[in-house]
Amino acid sequence: MSERRRSPVEVLRNLPEVFDISTMCRMTGLERGIARTYLSRWARAGLVAPAGPRAGIHFNLIRAPDAPGKRAVDALRMAYPSAVLVGASVLHAAGWITQIPRRLTVAVATRPSLASLDGFDVSGRTRVWYASVHADLVADKDYATYGLRALSPAMALADLHARPRDWCPDPDDLDLDDGAWNEVRRSFETLGVAEPEWLADMPGAGRTP
């Protein structure tokens, strides 16, 4: 039976829990224009849920009604294979701040335009940035709650200060071991970011030989 004659539920049962339009076209044989029309109808009917405005990625609610909550990181990775956890999300996961970010902050390889995804603050970074922080990326297993590669906490703090428009924690709100301050200083140096005046007054923040 042609895919076009099958019911939406039948079609969706054969699609992944998270999919993009290219996957849908490949698996169903539909043309992209027709696939977009179907997705729009299915979204209005509550059969699929978009991962974000114009992201081109959908959660299959027939296969997994809880996918928007449980598979959001998979959608992020599908949209941005280069995604790295940064900012307040890293600092909170490491226990350096107590404030709980409302959205996960992630960096991705920069593009002319970045599609937003629900639940994430996405910002672009250059190839030079990725090369600079490569040694400070933490493996997924250390941030299993999010399932993403992540900056080290020290590098995440330095990276926040490298971006004047980004939120930065007040130094009094930072909670880390005395010895970690030297790692913070090293991260500022790695990114070429001017150290804030308060850093010199922190325990153990003297320059490493």
N, C-alpha and C. Protein backbone atom coordinates (compact mmCIF):
# COMPACT_ATOMS: atom_id res chain seq x y z
N MET A 1 0.85 -1.19 0.00
CA MET A 1 0.00 0.00 0.00
C MET A 1 0.88 1.24 0.00
N SER A 2 0.54 2.24 -0.80
CA SER A 2 1.30 3.47 -0.87
C SER A 2 1.29 4.18 0.47
N GLU A 3 2.43 4.80 0.82
CA GLU A 3 2.52 5.54 2.07
C GLU A 3 1.47 6.65 2.13
N ARG A 4 1.13 7.21 0.97
CA ARG A 4 0.20 8.33 0.94
C ARG A 4 -1.22 7.88 1.31
N ARG A 5 -1.50 6.60 1.22
CA ARG A 5 -2.84 6.11 1.53
C ARG A 5 -2.93 5.56 2.94
N ARG A 6 -1.81 5.49 3.61
CA ARG A 6 -1.83 4.97 4.97
C ARG A 6 -2.25 6.07 5.93
N SER A 7 -2.82 5.68 7.04
CA SER A 7 -3.26 6.66 8.03
C SER A 7 -2.04 7.30 8.68
N PRO A 8 -2.20 8.52 9.22
CA PRO A 8 -1.08 9.15 9.91
C PRO A 8 -0.49 8.28 11.01
N VAL A 9 -1.36 7.60 11.77
CA VAL A 9 -0.87 6.75 12.86
C VAL A 9 -0.01 5.63 12.32
N GLU A 10 -0.41 5.02 11.21
CA GLU A 10 0.37 3.94 10.60
C GLU A 10 1.73 4.45 10.15
N VAL A 11 1.75 5.62 9.53
CA VAL A 11 3.01 6.19 9.07
C VAL A 11 3.92 6.49 10.25
N LEU A 12 3.37 7.12 11.29
CA LEU A 12 4.18 7.53 12.42
C LEU A 12 4.71 6.35 13.23
N ARG A 13 4.00 5.26 13.24
CA ARG A 13 4.49 4.07 13.94
C ARG A 13 5.78 3.55 13.34
N ASN A 14 6.04 3.89 12.09
CA ASN A 14 7.25 3.43 11.42
C ASN A 14 8.35 4.48 11.37
N LEU A 15 8.10 5.64 11.97
CA LEU A 15 9.11 6.69 12.02
C LEU A 15 9.75 6.71 13.41
N PRO A 16 10.99 7.22 13.53
CA PRO A 16 11.66 7.28 14.84
C PRO A 16 10.93 8.20 15.82
N GLU A 17 11.29 8.09 17.07
CA GLU A 17 10.68 8.94 18.10
C GLU A 17 11.04 10.40 17.90
N VAL A 18 12.22 10.65 17.34
CA VAL A 18 12.65 12.00 16.98
C VAL A 18 13.12 11.94 15.53
N PHE A 19 12.61 12.80 14.69
CA PHE A 19 12.99 12.73 13.28
C PHE A 19 12.96 14.11 12.64
N ASP A 20 13.73 14.24 11.57
CA ASP A 20 13.68 15.47 10.78
C ASP A 20 12.98 15.17 9.46
N ILE A 21 12.76 16.20 8.68
CA ILE A 21 11.97 16.02 7.46
C ILE A 21 12.72 15.15 6.44
N SER A 22 14.06 15.21 6.45
CA SER A 22 14.83 14.38 5.52
C SER A 22 14.63 12.90 5.84
N THR A 23 14.63 12.57 7.13
CA THR A 23 14.39 11.19 7.54
C THR A 23 13.00 10.75 7.14
N MET A 24 12.02 11.62 7.35
CA MET A 24 10.64 11.29 6.99
C MET A 24 10.52 11.02 5.49
N CYS A 25 11.13 11.88 4.68
CA CYS A 25 11.04 11.70 3.23
C CYS A 25 11.73 10.41 2.80
N ARG A 26 12.88 10.12 3.40
CA ARG A 26 13.61 8.91 3.03
C ARG A 26 12.84 7.65 3.39
N MET A 27 12.17 7.67 4.53
CA MET A 27 11.50 6.46 5.00
C MET A 27 10.12 6.28 4.42
N THR A 28 9.51 7.36 3.94
CA THR A 28 8.14 7.26 3.43
C THR A 28 8.05 7.41 1.91
N GLY A 29 9.10 7.98 1.30
CA GLY A 29 9.04 8.24 -0.13
C GLY A 29 8.28 9.50 -0.48
N LEU A 30 7.87 10.28 0.50
CA LEU A 30 7.13 11.51 0.25
C LEU A 30 8.06 12.61 -0.24
N GLU A 31 7.53 13.50 -1.07
CA GLU A 31 8.26 14.70 -1.46
C GLU A 31 8.25 15.68 -0.28
N ARG A 32 9.27 16.56 -0.22
CA ARG A 32 9.42 17.45 0.93
C ARG A 32 8.21 18.36 1.12
N GLY A 33 7.66 18.88 0.03
CA GLY A 33 6.51 19.76 0.15
C GLY A 33 5.32 19.05 0.76
N ILE A 34 5.07 17.82 0.32
CA ILE A 34 3.96 17.05 0.86
C ILE A 34 4.24 16.68 2.31
N ALA A 35 5.49 16.32 2.61
CA ALA A 35 5.85 15.98 3.98
C ALA A 35 5.60 17.17 4.92
N ARG A 36 5.96 18.37 4.48
CA ARG A 36 5.73 19.56 5.31
C ARG A 36 4.24 19.75 5.57
N THR A 37 3.44 19.54 4.55
CA THR A 37 1.99 19.68 4.73
C THR A 37 1.47 18.68 5.74
N TYR A 38 1.92 17.44 5.63
CA TYR A 38 1.49 16.42 6.58
C TYR A 38 1.92 16.76 8.00
N LEU A 39 3.16 17.20 8.16
CA LEU A 39 3.66 17.54 9.50
C LEU A 39 2.85 18.66 10.13
N SER A 40 2.49 19.64 9.32
CA SER A 40 1.67 20.74 9.84
C SER A 40 0.32 20.23 10.32
N ARG A 41 -0.28 19.35 9.54
CA ARG A 41 -1.58 18.77 9.93
C ARG A 41 -1.44 17.91 11.18
N TRP A 42 -0.39 17.10 11.22
CA TRP A 42 -0.19 16.19 12.35
C TRP A 42 0.09 16.97 13.64
N ALA A 43 0.80 18.08 13.49
CA ALA A 43 1.07 18.91 14.67
C ALA A 43 -0.22 19.49 15.23
N ARG A 44 -1.09 19.97 14.35
CA ARG A 44 -2.38 20.52 14.79
C ARG A 44 -3.24 19.45 15.44
N ALA A 45 -3.07 18.20 14.98
CA ALA A 45 -3.86 17.09 15.52
C ALA A 45 -3.24 16.49 16.77
N GLY A 46 -2.06 16.98 17.17
CA GLY A 46 -1.41 16.47 18.37
C GLY A 46 -0.72 15.13 18.17
N LEU A 47 -0.38 14.80 16.93
CA LEU A 47 0.30 13.53 16.64
C LEU A 47 1.82 13.68 16.68
N VAL A 48 2.31 14.88 16.39
CA VAL A 48 3.73 15.20 16.48
C VAL A 48 3.85 16.55 17.17
N ALA A 49 5.06 16.83 17.67
CA ALA A 49 5.33 18.12 18.30
C ALA A 49 6.66 18.64 17.77
N PRO A 50 6.70 19.89 17.28
CA PRO A 50 7.96 20.42 16.79
C PRO A 50 8.94 20.64 17.94
N ALA A 51 10.22 20.41 17.66
CA ALA A 51 11.25 20.62 18.69
C ALA A 51 11.53 22.10 18.91
N GLY A 52 11.11 22.91 17.98
CA GLY A 52 11.30 24.35 18.10
C GLY A 52 10.79 25.03 16.85
N PRO A 53 10.59 26.34 16.90
CA PRO A 53 10.10 27.07 15.73
C PRO A 53 11.08 26.95 14.56
N ARG A 54 10.62 26.44 13.46
CA ARG A 54 11.43 26.32 12.24
C ARG A 54 12.69 25.48 12.42
N ALA A 55 12.69 24.59 13.42
CA ALA A 55 13.85 23.73 13.63
C ALA A 55 13.88 22.58 12.64
N GLY A 56 12.71 22.21 12.10
CA GLY A 56 12.66 21.11 11.13
C GLY A 56 12.77 19.74 11.76
N ILE A 57 12.62 19.66 13.08
CA ILE A 57 12.72 18.40 13.81
C ILE A 57 11.44 18.23 14.63
N HIS A 58 10.93 16.99 14.64
CA HIS A 58 9.67 16.72 15.33
C HIS A 58 9.80 15.53 16.28
N PHE A 59 9.00 15.59 17.33
CA PHE A 59 8.85 14.45 18.23
C PHE A 59 7.63 13.65 17.79
N ASN A 60 7.80 12.36 17.73
CA ASN A 60 6.74 11.45 17.30
C ASN A 60 5.92 11.04 18.52
N LEU A 61 4.78 11.69 18.71
CA LEU A 61 3.97 11.45 19.90
C LEU A 61 3.20 10.13 19.84
N ILE A 62 3.11 9.54 18.68
CA ILE A 62 2.51 8.21 18.57
C ILE A 62 3.46 7.17 19.14
N ARG A 63 4.72 7.29 18.80
CA ARG A 63 5.73 6.35 19.31
C ARG A 63 6.11 6.63 20.76
N ALA A 64 6.15 7.92 21.12
CA ALA A 64 6.64 8.30 22.46
C ALA A 64 5.95 9.59 22.90
N PRO A 65 4.83 9.48 23.61
CA PRO A 65 4.12 10.69 24.05
C PRO A 65 4.96 11.60 24.94
N ASP A 66 5.96 11.03 25.63
CA ASP A 66 6.80 11.83 26.53
C ASP A 66 8.09 12.31 25.87
N ALA A 67 8.19 12.15 24.55
CA ALA A 67 9.42 12.50 23.85
C ALA A 67 9.85 13.96 24.02
N PRO A 68 8.92 14.94 24.01
CA PRO A 68 9.38 16.32 24.17
C PRO A 68 10.15 16.56 25.46
N GLY A 69 9.83 15.82 26.51
CA GLY A 69 10.56 15.97 27.76
C GLY A 69 11.79 15.10 27.85
N LYS A 70 11.69 13.87 27.34
CA LYS A 70 12.77 12.91 27.51
C LYS A 70 13.77 12.86 26.35
N ARG A 71 13.39 13.34 25.19
CA ARG A 71 14.26 13.22 24.02
C ARG A 71 14.71 14.58 23.49
N ALA A 72 14.58 15.62 24.31
CA ALA A 72 14.94 16.96 23.84
C ALA A 72 16.41 17.05 23.46
N VAL A 73 17.29 16.41 24.23
CA VAL A 73 18.71 16.46 23.91
C VAL A 73 18.99 15.75 22.59
N ASP A 74 18.26 14.69 22.30
CA ASP A 74 18.43 14.00 21.01
C ASP A 74 18.05 14.92 19.86
N ALA A 75 16.99 15.70 20.06
CA ALA A 75 16.61 16.67 19.03
C ALA A 75 17.69 17.73 18.86
N LEU A 76 18.25 18.18 19.98
CA LEU A 76 19.33 19.16 19.91
C LEU A 76 20.51 18.60 19.13
N ARG A 77 20.90 17.38 19.45
CA ARG A 77 22.04 16.77 18.75
C ARG A 77 21.76 16.58 17.27
N MET A 78 20.52 16.28 16.94
CA MET A 78 20.16 16.12 15.53
C MET A 78 20.31 17.45 14.79
N ALA A 79 19.87 18.52 15.44
CA ALA A 79 19.97 19.84 14.82
C ALA A 79 21.39 20.37 14.83
N TYR A 80 22.11 20.09 15.92
CA TYR A 80 23.45 20.64 16.11
C TYR A 80 24.39 19.56 16.65
N PRO A 81 25.01 18.77 15.78
CA PRO A 81 25.94 17.74 16.24
C PRO A 81 27.11 18.31 17.03
N SER A 82 27.39 19.59 16.85
CA SER A 82 28.52 20.23 17.53
C SER A 82 28.17 20.76 18.92
N ALA A 83 26.96 20.51 19.41
CA ALA A 83 26.49 21.12 20.65
C ALA A 83 27.37 20.79 21.84
N VAL A 84 27.67 21.82 22.63
CA VAL A 84 28.47 21.69 23.85
C VAL A 84 27.75 22.45 24.97
N LEU A 85 27.61 21.81 26.12
CA LEU A 85 27.00 22.47 27.27
C LEU A 85 27.95 23.54 27.80
N VAL A 86 27.43 24.73 28.04
CA VAL A 86 28.26 25.84 28.50
C VAL A 86 27.52 26.62 29.59
N GLY A 87 28.15 27.69 30.04
CA GLY A 87 27.50 28.67 30.89
C GLY A 87 26.95 28.18 32.21
N ALA A 88 25.81 28.77 32.59
CA ALA A 88 25.22 28.47 33.89
C ALA A 88 24.85 27.01 34.04
N SER A 89 24.52 26.34 32.94
CA SER A 89 24.16 24.92 33.03
C SER A 89 25.33 24.09 33.52
N VAL A 90 26.54 24.41 33.06
CA VAL A 90 27.73 23.70 33.52
C VAL A 90 28.02 24.04 34.97
N LEU A 91 27.95 25.31 35.32
CA LEU A 91 28.27 25.73 36.68
C LEU A 91 27.32 25.10 37.69
N HIS A 92 26.05 24.99 37.34
CA HIS A 92 25.09 24.37 38.24
C HIS A 92 25.33 22.87 38.34
N ALA A 93 25.59 22.22 37.22
CA ALA A 93 25.84 20.77 37.23
C ALA A 93 27.07 20.44 38.07
N ALA A 94 28.05 21.33 38.09
CA ALA A 94 29.27 21.11 38.85
C ALA A 94 29.15 21.52 40.31
N GLY A 95 28.02 22.13 40.67
CA GLY A 95 27.83 22.58 42.04
C GLY A 95 28.50 23.89 42.36
N TRP A 96 28.90 24.65 41.33
CA TRP A 96 29.56 25.93 41.57
C TRP A 96 28.57 27.04 41.83
N ILE A 97 27.33 26.89 41.39
CA ILE A 97 26.27 27.84 41.70
C ILE A 97 25.03 27.05 42.12
N THR A 98 24.16 27.70 42.88
CA THR A 98 22.94 27.03 43.33
C THR A 98 21.74 27.37 42.47
N GLN A 99 21.82 28.49 41.72
CA GLN A 99 20.70 28.86 40.86
C GLN A 99 20.49 27.80 39.78
N ILE A 100 19.25 27.43 39.58
CA ILE A 100 18.92 26.41 38.58
C ILE A 100 18.50 27.12 37.28
N PRO A 101 19.28 26.99 36.21
CA PRO A 101 18.90 27.65 34.95
C PRO A 101 17.57 27.10 34.43
N ARG A 102 16.77 27.99 33.90
CA ARG A 102 15.48 27.56 33.36
C ARG A 102 15.65 26.81 32.04
N ARG A 103 16.70 27.10 31.31
CA ARG A 103 16.97 26.44 30.04
C ARG A 103 18.42 26.01 30.01
N LEU A 104 18.72 24.95 29.27
CA LEU A 104 20.10 24.52 29.12
C LEU A 104 20.81 25.46 28.14
N THR A 105 22.00 25.90 28.51
CA THR A 105 22.77 26.78 27.65
C THR A 105 23.79 25.96 26.88
N VAL A 106 23.75 26.09 25.56
CA VAL A 106 24.63 25.30 24.71
C VAL A 106 25.28 26.18 23.65
N ALA A 107 26.50 25.82 23.31
CA ALA A 107 27.22 26.45 22.21
C ALA A 107 27.21 25.50 21.03
N VAL A 108 27.11 26.06 19.82
CA VAL A 108 27.11 25.25 18.60
C VAL A 108 27.98 25.95 17.57
N ALA A 109 28.44 25.17 16.59
CA ALA A 109 29.22 25.76 15.51
C ALA A 109 28.37 26.82 14.82
N THR A 110 28.94 28.00 14.69
CA THR A 110 28.17 29.12 14.17
C THR A 110 27.72 28.90 12.73
N ARG A 111 26.57 29.44 12.42
CA ARG A 111 25.98 29.39 11.08
C ARG A 111 25.40 30.76 10.77
N PRO A 112 25.03 31.01 9.50
CA PRO A 112 24.40 32.30 9.19
C PRO A 112 23.14 32.54 10.01
N SER A 113 22.41 31.48 10.32
CA SER A 113 21.24 31.61 11.19
C SER A 113 21.12 30.35 12.04
N LEU A 114 20.67 30.54 13.27
CA LEU A 114 20.53 29.43 14.21
C LEU A 114 19.07 29.26 14.58
N ALA A 115 18.55 28.06 14.36
CA ALA A 115 17.16 27.77 14.74
C ALA A 115 17.10 27.56 16.25
N SER A 116 16.07 28.09 16.88
CA SER A 116 15.90 27.90 18.32
C SER A 116 15.20 26.58 18.58
N LEU A 117 15.53 25.96 19.71
CA LEU A 117 14.89 24.72 20.14
C LEU A 117 14.32 24.94 21.54
N ASP A 118 13.14 24.42 21.77
CA ASP A 118 12.48 24.60 23.06
C ASP A 118 13.32 23.99 24.17
N GLY A 119 13.55 24.77 25.22
CA GLY A 119 14.30 24.29 26.37
C GLY A 119 15.78 24.58 26.33
N PHE A 120 16.26 25.22 25.25
CA PHE A 120 17.69 25.49 25.11
C PHE A 120 17.94 26.94 24.74
N ASP A 121 19.02 27.49 25.29
CA ASP A 121 19.57 28.76 24.81
C ASP A 121 20.77 28.41 23.95
N VAL A 122 20.66 28.67 22.66
CA VAL A 122 21.68 28.28 21.69
C VAL A 122 22.44 29.51 21.22
N SER A 123 23.76 29.43 21.25
CA SER A 123 24.58 30.52 20.72
C SER A 123 25.72 29.94 19.91
N GLY A 124 26.15 30.66 18.89
CA GLY A 124 27.17 30.17 17.98
C GLY A 124 28.58 30.44 18.47
N ARG A 125 29.50 29.55 18.09
CA ARG A 125 30.92 29.71 18.39
C ARG A 125 31.73 29.39 17.14
N THR A 126 32.91 29.98 17.05
CA THR A 126 33.76 29.81 15.87
C THR A 126 34.62 28.55 15.97
N ARG A 127 35.25 28.19 14.87
CA ARG A 127 36.19 27.07 14.87
C ARG A 127 37.36 27.35 15.81
N VAL A 128 37.78 28.60 15.88
CA VAL A 128 38.88 28.96 16.77
C VAL A 128 38.49 28.68 18.22
N TRP A 129 37.25 29.00 18.57
CA TRP A 129 36.78 28.74 19.94
C TRP A 129 36.81 27.24 20.24
N TYR A 130 36.31 26.43 19.33
CA TYR A 130 36.30 24.99 19.55
C TYR A 130 37.72 24.45 19.71
N ALA A 131 38.64 24.97 18.93
CA ALA A 131 40.03 24.52 19.06
C ALA A 131 40.61 24.94 20.41
N SER A 132 40.22 26.12 20.89
CA SER A 132 40.75 26.63 22.16
C SER A 132 40.27 25.81 23.35
N VAL A 133 39.00 25.36 23.30
CA VAL A 133 38.42 24.69 24.47
C VAL A 133 38.49 23.17 24.36
N HIS A 134 39.05 22.65 23.27
CA HIS A 134 39.00 21.21 23.03
C HIS A 134 39.53 20.41 24.22
N ALA A 135 40.62 20.86 24.80
CA ALA A 135 41.23 20.12 25.92
C ALA A 135 40.39 20.19 27.19
N ASP A 136 39.43 21.11 27.22
CA ASP A 136 38.61 21.29 28.42
C ASP A 136 37.20 20.75 28.27
N LEU A 137 36.94 19.98 27.23
CA LEU A 137 35.64 19.36 27.08
C LEU A 137 35.55 18.12 27.95
N VAL A 138 34.46 17.99 28.66
CA VAL A 138 34.24 16.87 29.58
C VAL A 138 33.35 15.85 28.89
N ALA A 139 33.68 14.57 29.05
CA ALA A 139 32.92 13.50 28.38
C ALA A 139 31.49 13.43 28.88
N ASP A 140 30.63 12.86 28.04
CA ASP A 140 29.20 12.76 28.36
C ASP A 140 28.95 12.12 29.73
N LYS A 141 29.70 11.08 30.05
CA LYS A 141 29.41 10.32 31.26
C LYS A 141 29.50 11.19 32.52
N ASP A 142 30.26 12.28 32.46
CA ASP A 142 30.39 13.13 33.62
C ASP A 142 29.23 14.12 33.76
N TYR A 143 28.44 14.23 32.71
CA TYR A 143 27.24 15.07 32.76
C TYR A 143 26.06 14.26 32.25
N ALA A 144 25.86 13.09 32.82
CA ALA A 144 24.84 12.16 32.33
C ALA A 144 23.44 12.74 32.42
N THR A 145 23.23 13.70 33.32
CA THR A 145 21.91 14.31 33.44
C THR A 145 21.50 14.96 32.14
N TYR A 146 22.47 15.52 31.45
CA TYR A 146 22.17 16.21 30.20
C TYR A 146 22.55 15.42 28.97
N GLY A 147 23.52 14.52 29.09
CA GLY A 147 23.93 13.73 27.95
C GLY A 147 24.63 14.51 26.86
N LEU A 148 25.34 15.57 27.24
CA LEU A 148 26.03 16.40 26.27
C LEU A 148 27.51 16.54 26.63
N ARG A 149 28.32 16.75 25.61
CA ARG A 149 29.68 17.20 25.91
C ARG A 149 29.57 18.54 26.64
N ALA A 150 30.50 18.80 27.52
CA ALA A 150 30.41 20.03 28.31
C ALA A 150 31.78 20.63 28.51
N LEU A 151 31.81 21.95 28.65
CA LEU A 151 33.03 22.62 29.09
C LEU A 151 33.32 22.22 30.53
N SER A 152 34.58 22.28 30.91
CA SER A 152 34.90 22.16 32.33
C SER A 152 34.30 23.38 33.03
N PRO A 153 33.98 23.28 34.32
CA PRO A 153 33.39 24.43 35.02
C PRO A 153 34.27 25.68 34.94
N ALA A 154 35.58 25.51 35.09
CA ALA A 154 36.47 26.67 35.03
C ALA A 154 36.40 27.35 33.66
N MET A 155 36.38 26.53 32.60
CA MET A 155 36.31 27.10 31.26
C MET A 155 34.94 27.73 31.01
N ALA A 156 33.89 27.13 31.57
CA ALA A 156 32.55 27.70 31.41
C ALA A 156 32.48 29.08 32.04
N LEU A 157 33.12 29.25 33.20
CA LEU A 157 33.13 30.55 33.86
C LEU A 157 33.90 31.58 33.03
N ALA A 158 35.06 31.17 32.51
CA ALA A 158 35.84 32.09 31.68
C ALA A 158 35.08 32.44 30.41
N ASP A 159 34.40 31.47 29.83
CA ASP A 159 33.66 31.71 28.60
C ASP A 159 32.52 32.70 28.81
N LEU A 160 31.89 32.65 29.97
CA LEU A 160 30.85 33.63 30.27
C LEU A 160 31.42 35.04 30.28
N HIS A 161 32.60 35.18 30.86
CA HIS A 161 33.22 36.51 30.92
C HIS A 161 33.74 36.96 29.56
N ALA A 162 33.91 36.02 28.64
CA ALA A 162 34.34 36.38 27.29
C ALA A 162 33.20 36.94 26.46
N ARG A 163 31.99 36.81 26.95
CA ARG A 163 30.80 37.22 26.21
C ARG A 163 30.06 38.26 27.05
N PRO A 164 30.32 39.56 26.80
CA PRO A 164 29.79 40.62 27.66
C PRO A 164 28.27 40.62 27.83
N ARG A 165 27.56 40.13 26.85
CA ARG A 165 26.10 40.15 26.96
C ARG A 165 25.54 39.00 27.78
N ASP A 166 26.37 38.01 28.07
CA ASP A 166 25.90 36.84 28.82
C ASP A 166 25.85 37.14 30.31
N TRP A 167 24.95 36.44 30.99
CA TRP A 167 24.89 36.53 32.45
C TRP A 167 26.15 35.93 33.05
N CYS A 168 26.66 36.57 34.10
CA CYS A 168 27.80 36.03 34.85
C CYS A 168 27.44 35.99 36.33
N PRO A 169 27.83 34.94 37.03
CA PRO A 169 27.51 34.87 38.45
C PRO A 169 28.31 35.89 39.25
N ASP A 170 27.72 36.39 40.30
CA ASP A 170 28.44 37.25 41.23
C ASP A 170 29.50 36.40 41.92
N PRO A 171 30.71 36.91 42.11
CA PRO A 171 31.74 36.09 42.75
C PRO A 171 31.34 35.55 44.11
N ASP A 172 30.50 36.27 44.85
CA ASP A 172 30.06 35.80 46.16
C ASP A 172 29.13 34.59 46.05
N ASP A 173 28.59 34.38 44.87
CA ASP A 173 27.67 33.25 44.68
C ASP A 173 28.39 31.99 44.20
N LEU A 174 29.68 32.09 43.93
CA LEU A 174 30.44 30.94 43.46
C LEU A 174 30.89 30.09 44.64
N ASP A 175 30.71 28.79 44.51
CA ASP A 175 31.08 27.85 45.57
C ASP A 175 31.99 26.78 44.98
N LEU A 176 33.30 26.94 45.19
CA LEU A 176 34.25 25.96 44.68
C LEU A 176 35.44 25.87 45.62
N ASP A 177 36.15 24.76 45.52
CA ASP A 177 37.32 24.54 46.36
C ASP A 177 38.39 25.58 46.07
N ASP A 178 39.19 25.89 47.09
CA ASP A 178 40.24 26.90 46.93
C ASP A 178 41.16 26.57 45.76
N GLY A 179 41.51 25.30 45.62
CA GLY A 179 42.44 24.92 44.56
C GLY A 179 41.90 25.11 43.16
N ALA A 180 40.58 25.23 43.01
CA ALA A 180 39.99 25.35 41.68
C ALA A 180 40.21 26.73 41.07
N TRP A 181 40.57 27.70 41.91
CA TRP A 181 40.72 29.06 41.37
C TRP A 181 41.89 29.16 40.40
N ASN A 182 42.95 28.37 40.62
CA ASN A 182 44.04 28.38 39.65
C ASN A 182 43.60 27.85 38.30
N GLU A 183 42.68 26.87 38.31
CA GLU A 183 42.13 26.35 37.06
C GLU A 183 41.29 27.42 36.38
N VAL A 184 40.59 28.21 37.17
CA VAL A 184 39.81 29.31 36.61
C VAL A 184 40.74 30.31 35.93
N ARG A 185 41.84 30.66 36.61
CA ARG A 185 42.80 31.60 36.03
C ARG A 185 43.37 31.05 34.71
N ARG A 186 43.73 29.78 34.70
CA ARG A 186 44.27 29.17 33.48
C ARG A 186 43.28 29.26 32.33
N SER A 187 41.99 29.06 32.66
CA SER A 187 40.96 29.11 31.61
C SER A 187 40.81 30.51 31.04
N PHE A 188 40.89 31.53 31.90
CA PHE A 188 40.86 32.91 31.41
C PHE A 188 42.02 33.13 30.45
N GLU A 189 43.21 32.64 30.81
CA GLU A 189 44.38 32.81 29.96
C GLU A 189 44.21 32.07 28.64
N THR A 190 43.63 30.86 28.68
CA THR A 190 43.45 30.07 27.46
C THR A 190 42.56 30.80 26.46
N LEU A 191 41.50 31.42 26.95
CA LEU A 191 40.57 32.13 26.07
C LEU A 191 41.01 33.56 25.78
N GLY A 192 42.09 34.00 26.43
CA GLY A 192 42.55 35.37 26.22
C GLY A 192 41.60 36.39 26.78
N VAL A 193 40.95 36.06 27.89
CA VAL A 193 39.97 36.95 28.51
C VAL A 193 40.62 37.67 29.69
N ALA A 194 40.43 38.98 29.78
CA ALA A 194 40.97 39.74 30.89
C ALA A 194 40.34 39.27 32.20
N GLU A 195 41.16 39.04 33.19
CA GLU A 195 40.65 38.58 34.49
C GLU A 195 39.91 39.71 35.20
N PRO A 196 38.76 39.41 35.78
CA PRO A 196 38.09 40.43 36.60
C PRO A 196 38.91 40.73 37.84
N GLU A 197 38.79 41.91 38.36
CA GLU A 197 39.61 42.32 39.50
C GLU A 197 39.41 41.40 40.71
N TRP A 198 38.19 40.91 40.89
CA TRP A 198 37.91 40.11 42.08
C TRP A 198 38.64 38.77 42.07
N LEU A 199 39.07 38.32 40.89
CA LEU A 199 39.71 37.01 40.82
C LEU A 199 41.02 36.97 41.62
N ALA A 200 41.75 38.07 41.61
CA ALA A 200 43.03 38.11 42.31
C ALA A 200 42.86 37.96 43.82
N ASP A 201 41.66 38.26 44.34
CA ASP A 201 41.43 38.20 45.78
C ASP A 201 40.91 36.85 46.24
N MET A 202 40.65 35.94 45.29
CA MET A 202 40.09 34.66 45.67
C MET A 202 41.15 33.72 46.24
N PRO A 203 40.77 32.85 47.19
CA PRO A 203 41.75 31.91 47.78
C PRO A 203 42.40 31.05 46.70
N GLY A 204 43.72 30.92 46.79
CA GLY A 204 44.43 30.05 45.88
C GLY A 204 44.50 30.54 44.47
N ALA A 205 44.19 31.82 44.25
CA ALA A 205 44.16 32.34 42.88
C ALA A 205 45.44 32.97 42.44
N GLY A 206 46.50 32.74 43.19
CA GLY A 206 47.77 33.28 42.77
C GLY A 206 48.23 32.65 41.48
N ARG A 207 49.07 33.32 40.74
CA ARG A 207 49.51 32.80 39.45
C ARG A 207 50.31 31.52 39.64
N THR A 208 50.03 30.58 38.76
CA THR A 208 50.79 29.33 38.81
C THR A 208 52.15 29.57 38.19
N PRO A 209 53.19 28.91 38.75
CA PRO A 209 54.54 29.11 38.20
C PRO A 209 54.65 28.54 36.80
